[in-house]
Amino acid sequence: MATIRNRKFFESEKAVHLREVLVNMTESDKYRTRSMYSTLDKNGLTFVDKHMNYMSQYPNIDHDQYVLNLKLMTKIR
């Protein structure tokens, strides 16, 4: 169940942009972005959904910095 705060975040322009960046990362062969196991979904929790949910729970974090850190951590070298 999504809270009002979560819904506001997901509907914001910022969230739309962040989702686009995360989707681009999953489509790139430069990053490791595999799905994670989830009891809620037999297909797994997607990289994008996992990180969008996290960012929606913590509205005070610097979302741009969070995504930059994700890029550093998932970059294939």
PDB file of N, CA and C in Angstrom:
ATOM      1  N   MET A   1       0.845  -1.176   0.000  1.00  0.00           N
ATOM      2  CA  MET A   1       0.000   0.000   0.000  1.00  0.00           C
ATOM      3  C   MET A   1       0.897   1.248   0.000  1.00  0.00           C
ATOM      4  N   ALA A   2       0.634   2.126  -0.914  1.00  0.00           N
ATOM      5  CA  ALA A   2       1.431   3.341  -1.029  1.00  0.00           C
ATOM      6  C   ALA A   2       0.873   4.432  -0.119  1.00  0.00           C
ATOM      7  N   THR A   3       1.766   5.099   0.557  1.00  0.00           N
ATOM      8  CA  THR A   3       1.355   6.209   1.405  1.00  0.00           C
ATOM      9  C   THR A   3       1.182   7.452   0.531  1.00  0.00           C
ATOM     10  N   ILE A   4       0.612   8.477   1.105  1.00  0.00           N
ATOM     11  CA  ILE A   4       0.437   9.733   0.372  1.00  0.00           C
ATOM     12  C   ILE A   4       1.801  10.295  -0.012  1.00  0.00           C
ATOM     13  N   ARG A   5       2.761  10.209   0.909  1.00  0.00           N
ATOM     14  CA  ARG A   5       4.111  10.700   0.624  1.00  0.00           C
ATOM     15  C   ARG A   5       4.715   9.941  -0.548  1.00  0.00           C
ATOM     16  N   ASN A   6       4.558   8.604  -0.569  1.00  0.00           N
ATOM     17  CA  ASN A   6       5.100   7.795  -1.663  1.00  0.00           C
ATOM     18  C   ASN A   6       4.442   8.171  -2.984  1.00  0.00           C
ATOM     19  N   ARG A   7       3.125   8.309  -2.970  1.00  0.00           N
ATOM     20  CA  ARG A   7       2.415   8.667  -4.207  1.00  0.00           C
ATOM     21  C   ARG A   7       2.851  10.028  -4.717  1.00  0.00           C
ATOM     22  N   LYS A   8       3.026  10.980  -3.813  1.00  0.00           N
ATOM     23  CA  LYS A   8       3.481  12.318  -4.225  1.00  0.00           C
ATOM     24  C   LYS A   8       4.848  12.226  -4.886  1.00  0.00           C
ATOM     25  N   PHE A   9       5.717  11.408  -4.300  1.00  0.00           N
ATOM     26  CA  PHE A   9       7.052  11.248  -4.872  1.00  0.00           C
ATOM     27  C   PHE A   9       6.961  10.624  -6.271  1.00  0.00           C
ATOM     28  N   PHE A  10       6.233   9.517  -6.406  1.00  0.00           N
ATOM     29  CA  PHE A  10       6.145   8.812  -7.687  1.00  0.00           C
ATOM     30  C   PHE A  10       5.519   9.670  -8.781  1.00  0.00           C
ATOM     31  N   GLU A  11       4.666  10.601  -8.403  1.00  0.00           N
ATOM     32  CA  GLU A  11       3.999  11.470  -9.384  1.00  0.00           C
ATOM     33  C   GLU A  11       4.794  12.733  -9.698  1.00  0.00           C
ATOM     34  N   SER A  12       5.869  12.967  -8.987  1.00  0.00           N
ATOM     35  CA  SER A  12       6.646  14.191  -9.180  1.00  0.00           C
ATOM     36  C   SER A  12       7.508  14.109 -10.445  1.00  0.00           C
ATOM     37  N   GLU A  13       7.862  15.284 -10.948  1.00  0.00           N
ATOM     38  CA  GLU A  13       8.748  15.356 -12.116  1.00  0.00           C
ATOM     39  C   GLU A  13      10.111  14.749 -11.789  1.00  0.00           C
ATOM     40  N   LYS A  14      10.560  14.947 -10.570  1.00  0.00           N
ATOM     41  CA  LYS A  14      11.844  14.414 -10.129  1.00  0.00           C
ATOM     42  C   LYS A  14      11.846  12.884 -10.233  1.00  0.00           C
ATOM     43  N   ALA A  15      10.774  12.258  -9.772  1.00  0.00           N
ATOM     44  CA  ALA A  15      10.683  10.797  -9.821  1.00  0.00           C
ATOM     45  C   ALA A  15      10.634  10.288 -11.255  1.00  0.00           C
ATOM     46  N   VAL A  16       9.935  10.999 -12.109  1.00  0.00           N
ATOM     47  CA  VAL A  16       9.873  10.612 -13.518  1.00  0.00           C
ATOM     48  C   VAL A  16      11.276  10.631 -14.118  1.00  0.00           C
ATOM     49  N   HIS A  17      12.033  11.666 -13.812  1.00  0.00           N
ATOM     50  CA  HIS A  17      13.405  11.774 -14.306  1.00  0.00           C
ATOM     51  C   HIS A  17      14.284  10.662 -13.727  1.00  0.00           C
ATOM     52  N   LEU A  18      14.176  10.424 -12.424  1.00  0.00           N
ATOM     53  CA  LEU A  18      14.987   9.389 -11.783  1.00  0.00           C
ATOM     54  C   LEU A  18      14.670   8.016 -12.361  1.00  0.00           C
ATOM     55  N   ARG A  19      13.392   7.731 -12.584  1.00  0.00           N
ATOM     56  CA  ARG A  19      12.997   6.451 -13.173  1.00  0.00           C
ATOM     57  C   ARG A  19      13.619   6.297 -14.561  1.00  0.00           C
ATOM     58  N   GLU A  20      13.611   7.373 -15.328  1.00  0.00           N
ATOM     59  CA  GLU A  20      14.191   7.344 -16.668  1.00  0.00           C
ATOM     60  C   GLU A  20      15.687   7.015 -16.609  1.00  0.00           C
ATOM     61  N   VAL A  21      16.391   7.622 -15.664  1.00  0.00           N
ATOM     62  CA  VAL A  21      17.825   7.359 -15.506  1.00  0.00           C
ATOM     63  C   VAL A  21      18.048   5.894 -15.124  1.00  0.00           C
ATOM     64  N   LEU A  22      17.247   5.383 -14.190  1.00  0.00           N
ATOM     65  CA  LEU A  22      17.398   3.990 -13.757  1.00  0.00           C
ATOM     66  C   LEU A  22      17.075   3.018 -14.891  1.00  0.00           C
ATOM     67  N   VAL A  23      16.052   3.308 -15.659  1.00  0.00           N
ATOM     68  CA  VAL A  23      15.707   2.461 -16.806  1.00  0.00           C
ATOM     69  C   VAL A  23      16.846   2.459 -17.815  1.00  0.00           C
ATOM     70  N   ASN A  24      17.417   3.618 -18.075  1.00  0.00           N
ATOM     71  CA  ASN A  24      18.558   3.699 -18.990  1.00  0.00           C
ATOM     72  C   ASN A  24      19.734   2.860 -18.488  1.00  0.00           C
ATOM     73  N   MET A  25      19.929   2.838 -17.169  1.00  0.00           N
ATOM     74  CA  MET A  25      20.998   2.011 -16.606  1.00  0.00           C
ATOM     75  C   MET A  25      20.729   0.533 -16.866  1.00  0.00           C
ATOM     76  N   THR A  26      19.468   0.101 -16.716  1.00  0.00           N
ATOM     77  CA  THR A  26      19.147  -1.318 -16.918  1.00  0.00           C
ATOM     78  C   THR A  26      19.287  -1.717 -18.386  1.00  0.00           C
ATOM     79  N   GLU A  27      19.092  -0.778 -19.277  1.00  0.00           N
ATOM     80  CA  GLU A  27      19.190  -1.067 -20.714  1.00  0.00           C
ATOM     81  C   GLU A  27      20.630  -1.003 -21.218  1.00  0.00           C
ATOM     82  N   SER A  28      21.521  -0.487 -20.401  1.00  0.00           N
ATOM     83  CA  SER A  28      22.923  -0.351 -20.771  1.00  0.00           C
ATOM     84  C   SER A  28      23.698  -1.601 -20.365  1.00  0.00           C
ATOM     85  N   ASP A  29      24.691  -1.956 -21.158  1.00  0.00           N
ATOM     86  CA  ASP A  29      25.549  -3.077 -20.785  1.00  0.00           C
ATOM     87  C   ASP A  29      26.723  -2.623 -19.921  1.00  0.00           C
ATOM     88  N   LYS A  30      26.689  -1.392 -19.467  1.00  0.00           N
ATOM     89  CA  LYS A  30      27.751  -0.848 -18.621  1.00  0.00           C
ATOM     90  C   LYS A  30      27.507  -1.088 -17.128  1.00  0.00           C
ATOM     91  N   TYR A  31      26.270  -1.493 -16.758  1.00  0.00           N
ATOM     92  CA  TYR A  31      25.905  -1.632 -15.350  1.00  0.00           C
ATOM     93  C   TYR A  31      25.322  -3.011 -15.062  1.00  0.00           C
ATOM     94  N   ARG A  32      25.579  -3.510 -13.856  1.00  0.00           N
ATOM     95  CA  ARG A  32      24.982  -4.756 -13.372  1.00  0.00           C
ATOM     96  C   ARG A  32      23.681  -4.394 -12.662  1.00  0.00           C
ATOM     97  N   THR A  33      22.574  -4.699 -13.281  1.00  0.00           N
ATOM     98  CA  THR A  33      21.276  -4.282 -12.732  1.00  0.00           C
ATOM     99  C   THR A  33      20.273  -5.435 -12.744  1.00  0.00           C
ATOM    100  N   ARG A  34      20.683  -6.596 -12.306  1.00  0.00           N
ATOM    101  CA  ARG A  34      19.777  -7.746 -12.349  1.00  0.00           C
ATOM    102  C   ARG A  34      18.652  -7.602 -11.323  1.00  0.00           C
ATOM    103  N   SER A  35      17.576  -8.345 -11.543  1.00  0.00           N
ATOM    104  CA  SER A  35      16.439  -8.343 -10.623  1.00  0.00           C
ATOM    105  C   SER A  35      16.805  -9.075  -9.345  1.00  0.00           C
ATOM    106  N   MET A  36      16.133  -8.714  -8.280  1.00  0.00           N
ATOM    107  CA  MET A  36      16.366  -9.351  -6.985  1.00  0.00           C
ATOM    108  C   MET A  36      15.186 -10.260  -6.659  1.00  0.00           C
ATOM    109  N   TYR A  37      15.419 -11.255  -5.825  1.00  0.00           N
ATOM    110  CA  TYR A  37      14.353 -12.152  -5.393  1.00  0.00           C
ATOM    111  C   TYR A  37      13.329 -11.374  -4.568  1.00  0.00           C
ATOM    112  N   SER A  38      12.066 -11.668  -4.815  1.00  0.00           N
ATOM    113  CA  SER A  38      10.997 -11.027  -4.047  1.00  0.00           C
ATOM    114  C   SER A  38       9.900 -12.038  -3.774  1.00  0.00           C
ATOM    115  N   THR A  39       9.408 -12.081  -2.546  1.00  0.00           N
ATOM    116  CA  THR A  39       8.300 -12.977  -2.223  1.00  0.00           C
ATOM    117  C   THR A  39       6.992 -12.447  -2.785  1.00  0.00           C
ATOM    118  N   LEU A  40       6.958 -11.172  -3.129  1.00  0.00           N
ATOM    119  CA  LEU A  40       5.735 -10.564  -3.655  1.00  0.00           C
ATOM    120  C   LEU A  40       5.564 -10.808  -5.149  1.00  0.00           C
ATOM    121  N   ASP A  41       6.654 -11.030  -5.856  1.00  0.00           N
ATOM    122  CA  ASP A  41       6.600 -11.187  -7.303  1.00  0.00           C
ATOM    123  C   ASP A  41       7.509 -12.332  -7.716  1.00  0.00           C
ATOM    124  N   LYS A  42       6.948 -13.332  -8.364  1.00  0.00           N
ATOM    125  CA  LYS A  42       7.738 -14.503  -8.754  1.00  0.00           C
ATOM    126  C   LYS A  42       8.832 -14.152  -9.756  1.00  0.00           C
ATOM    127  N   ASN A  43       8.648 -13.071 -10.510  1.00  0.00           N
ATOM    128  CA  ASN A  43       9.644 -12.653 -11.486  1.00  0.00           C
ATOM    129  C   ASN A  43      10.777 -11.859 -10.839  1.00  0.00           C
ATOM    130  N   GLY A  44      10.629 -11.529  -9.580  1.00  0.00           N
ATOM    131  CA  GLY A  44      11.652 -10.762  -8.871  1.00  0.00           C
ATOM    132  C   GLY A  44      11.320  -9.283  -8.834  1.00  0.00           C
ATOM    133  N   LEU A  45      12.010  -8.593  -7.992  1.00  0.00           N
ATOM    134  CA  LEU A  45      11.860  -7.146  -7.856  1.00  0.00           C
ATOM    135  C   LEU A  45      12.869  -6.503  -8.792  1.00  0.00           C
ATOM    136  N   THR A  46      12.391  -5.681  -9.695  1.00  0.00           N
ATOM    137  CA  THR A  46      13.303  -5.097 -10.675  1.00  0.00           C
ATOM    138  C   THR A  46      14.218  -4.078 -10.006  1.00  0.00           C
ATOM    139  N   PHE A  47      15.344  -3.862 -10.632  1.00  0.00           N
ATOM    140  CA  PHE A  47      16.319  -2.877 -10.173  1.00  0.00           C
ATOM    141  C   PHE A  47      15.660  -1.510 -10.017  1.00  0.00           C
ATOM    142  N   VAL A  48      14.875  -1.122 -11.026  1.00  0.00           N
ATOM    143  CA  VAL A  48      14.221   0.192 -11.016  1.00  0.00           C
ATOM    144  C   VAL A  48      13.232   0.282  -9.861  1.00  0.00           C
ATOM    145  N   ASP A  49      12.368  -0.720  -9.720  1.00  0.00           N
ATOM    146  CA  ASP A  49      11.364  -0.687  -8.649  1.00  0.00           C
ATOM    147  C   ASP A  49      12.003  -0.668  -7.266  1.00  0.00           C
ATOM    148  N   LYS A  50      13.041  -1.462  -7.096  1.00  0.00           N
ATOM    149  CA  LYS A  50      13.715  -1.519  -5.799  1.00  0.00           C
ATOM    150  C   LYS A  50      14.234  -0.149  -5.392  1.00  0.00           C
ATOM    151  N   HIS A  51      14.909   0.528  -6.300  1.00  0.00           N
ATOM    152  CA  HIS A  51      15.527   1.808  -5.949  1.00  0.00           C
ATOM    153  C   HIS A  51      14.518   2.961  -5.943  1.00  0.00           C
ATOM    154  N   MET A  52      13.496   2.894  -6.761  1.00  0.00           N
ATOM    155  CA  MET A  52      12.435   3.909  -6.701  1.00  0.00           C
ATOM    156  C   MET A  52      11.696   3.802  -5.370  1.00  0.00           C
ATOM    157  N   ASN A  53      11.417   2.590  -4.930  1.00  0.00           N
ATOM    158  CA  ASN A  53      10.753   2.396  -3.634  1.00  0.00           C
ATOM    159  C   ASN A  53      11.618   2.932  -2.499  1.00  0.00           C
ATOM    160  N   TYR A  54      12.911   2.659  -2.557  1.00  0.00           N
ATOM    161  CA  TYR A  54      13.818   3.149  -1.516  1.00  0.00           C
ATOM    162  C   TYR A  54      13.808   4.679  -1.472  1.00  0.00           C
ATOM    163  N   MET A  55      13.937   5.298  -2.631  1.00  0.00           N
ATOM    164  CA  MET A  55      13.977   6.765  -2.667  1.00  0.00           C
ATOM    165  C   MET A  55      12.650   7.369  -2.208  1.00  0.00           C
ATOM    166  N   SER A  56      11.540   6.683  -2.457  1.00  0.00           N
ATOM    167  CA  SER A  56      10.247   7.213  -2.016  1.00  0.00           C
ATOM    168  C   SER A  56      10.111   7.159  -0.497  1.00  0.00           C
ATOM    169  N   GLN A  57      10.797   6.222   0.133  1.00  0.00           N
ATOM    170  CA  GLN A  57      10.729   6.086   1.589  1.00  0.00           C
ATOM    171  C   GLN A  57      11.592   7.113   2.309  1.00  0.00           C
ATOM    172  N   TYR A  58      12.592   7.648   1.605  1.00  0.00           N
ATOM    173  CA  TYR A  58      13.517   8.602   2.219  1.00  0.00           C
ATOM    174  C   TYR A  58      13.562   9.890   1.394  1.00  0.00           C
ATOM    175  N   PRO A  59      12.550  10.722   1.553  1.00  0.00           N
ATOM    176  CA  PRO A  59      12.465  11.929   0.719  1.00  0.00           C
ATOM    177  C   PRO A  59      13.552  12.959   0.995  1.00  0.00           C
ATOM    178  N   ASN A  60      14.224  12.860   2.114  1.00  0.00           N
ATOM    179  CA  ASN A  60      15.243  13.864   2.450  1.00  0.00           C
ATOM    180  C   ASN A  60      16.631  13.534   1.921  1.00  0.00           C
ATOM    181  N   ILE A  61      16.801  12.353   1.340  1.00  0.00           N
ATOM    182  CA  ILE A  61      18.122  12.044   0.786  1.00  0.00           C
ATOM    183  C   ILE A  61      18.295  12.809  -0.525  1.00  0.00           C
ATOM    184  N   ASP A  62      19.522  12.975  -0.904  1.00  0.00           N
ATOM    185  CA  ASP A  62      19.825  13.609  -2.189  1.00  0.00           C
ATOM    186  C   ASP A  62      19.687  12.536  -3.260  1.00  0.00           C
ATOM    187  N   HIS A  63      18.566  12.545  -3.960  1.00  0.00           N
ATOM    188  CA  HIS A  63      18.265  11.501  -4.933  1.00  0.00           C
ATOM    189  C   HIS A  63      19.284  11.452  -6.068  1.00  0.00           C
ATOM    190  N   ASP A  64      19.753  12.595  -6.508  1.00  0.00           N
ATOM    191  CA  ASP A  64      20.749  12.615  -7.580  1.00  0.00           C
ATOM    192  C   ASP A  64      22.049  11.957  -7.119  1.00  0.00           C
ATOM    193  N   GLN A  65      22.461  12.245  -5.897  1.00  0.00           N
ATOM    194  CA  GLN A  65      23.667  11.632  -5.352  1.00  0.00           C
ATOM    195  C   GLN A  65      23.469  10.133  -5.189  1.00  0.00           C
ATOM    196  N   TYR A  66      22.283   9.724  -4.772  1.00  0.00           N
ATOM    197  CA  TYR A  66      21.970   8.300  -4.615  1.00  0.00           C
ATOM    198  C   TYR A  66      22.151   7.576  -5.952  1.00  0.00           C
ATOM    199  N   VAL A  67      21.623   8.153  -7.023  1.00  0.00           N
ATOM    200  CA  VAL A  67      21.738   7.529  -8.350  1.00  0.00           C
ATOM    201  C   VAL A  67      23.200   7.513  -8.806  1.00  0.00           C
ATOM    202  N   LEU A  68      23.929   8.579  -8.545  1.00  0.00           N
ATOM    203  CA  LEU A  68      25.351   8.591  -8.896  1.00  0.00           C
ATOM    204  C   LEU A  68      26.112   7.485  -8.146  1.00  0.00           C
ATOM    205  N   ASN A  69      25.794   7.291  -6.893  1.00  0.00           N
ATOM    206  CA  ASN A  69      26.419   6.217  -6.127  1.00  0.00           C
ATOM    207  C   ASN A  69      26.049   4.845  -6.692  1.00  0.00           C
ATOM    208  N   LEU A  70      24.790   4.685  -7.096  1.00  0.00           N
ATOM    209  CA  LEU A  70      24.371   3.432  -7.731  1.00  0.00           C
ATOM    210  C   LEU A  70      25.176   3.172  -8.996  1.00  0.00           C
ATOM    211  N   LYS A  71      25.379   4.213  -9.773  1.00  0.00           N
ATOM    212  CA  LYS A  71      26.163   4.043 -10.994  1.00  0.00           C
ATOM    213  C   LYS A  71      27.582   3.589 -10.675  1.00  0.00           C
ATOM    214  N   LEU A  72      28.171   4.179  -9.655  1.00  0.00           N
ATOM    215  CA  LEU A  72      29.520   3.771  -9.262  1.00  0.00           C
ATOM    216  C   LEU A  72      29.564   2.327  -8.775  1.00  0.00           C
ATOM    217  N   MET A  73      28.576   1.941  -7.987  1.00  0.00           N
ATOM    218  CA  MET A  73      28.563   0.594  -7.403  1.00  0.00           C
ATOM    219  C   MET A  73      28.243  -0.479  -8.423  1.00  0.00           C
ATOM    220  N   THR A  74      27.478  -0.171  -9.448  1.00  0.00           N
ATOM    221  CA  THR A  74      27.040  -1.188 -10.396  1.00  0.00           C
ATOM    222  C   THR A  74      27.827  -1.172 -11.706  1.00  0.00           C
ATOM    223  N   LYS A  75      28.717  -0.228 -11.855  1.00  0.00           N
ATOM    224  CA  LYS A  75      29.497  -0.108 -13.102  1.00  0.00           C
ATOM    225  C   LYS A  75      30.346  -1.353 -13.320  1.00  0.00           C
ATOM    226  N   ILE A  76      30.274  -1.888 -14.523  1.00  0.00           N
ATOM    227  CA  ILE A  76      31.094  -3.029 -14.901  1.00  0.00           C
ATOM    228  C   ILE A  76      32.432  -2.512 -15.372  1.00  0.00           C
ATOM    229  N   ARG A  77      33.476  -2.993 -14.759  1.00  0.00           N
ATOM    230  CA  ARG A  77      34.825  -2.500 -15.104  1.00  0.00           C
ATOM    231  C   ARG A  77      35.569  -3.520 -15.899  1.00  0.00           C
TER     232      ARG A  77
END
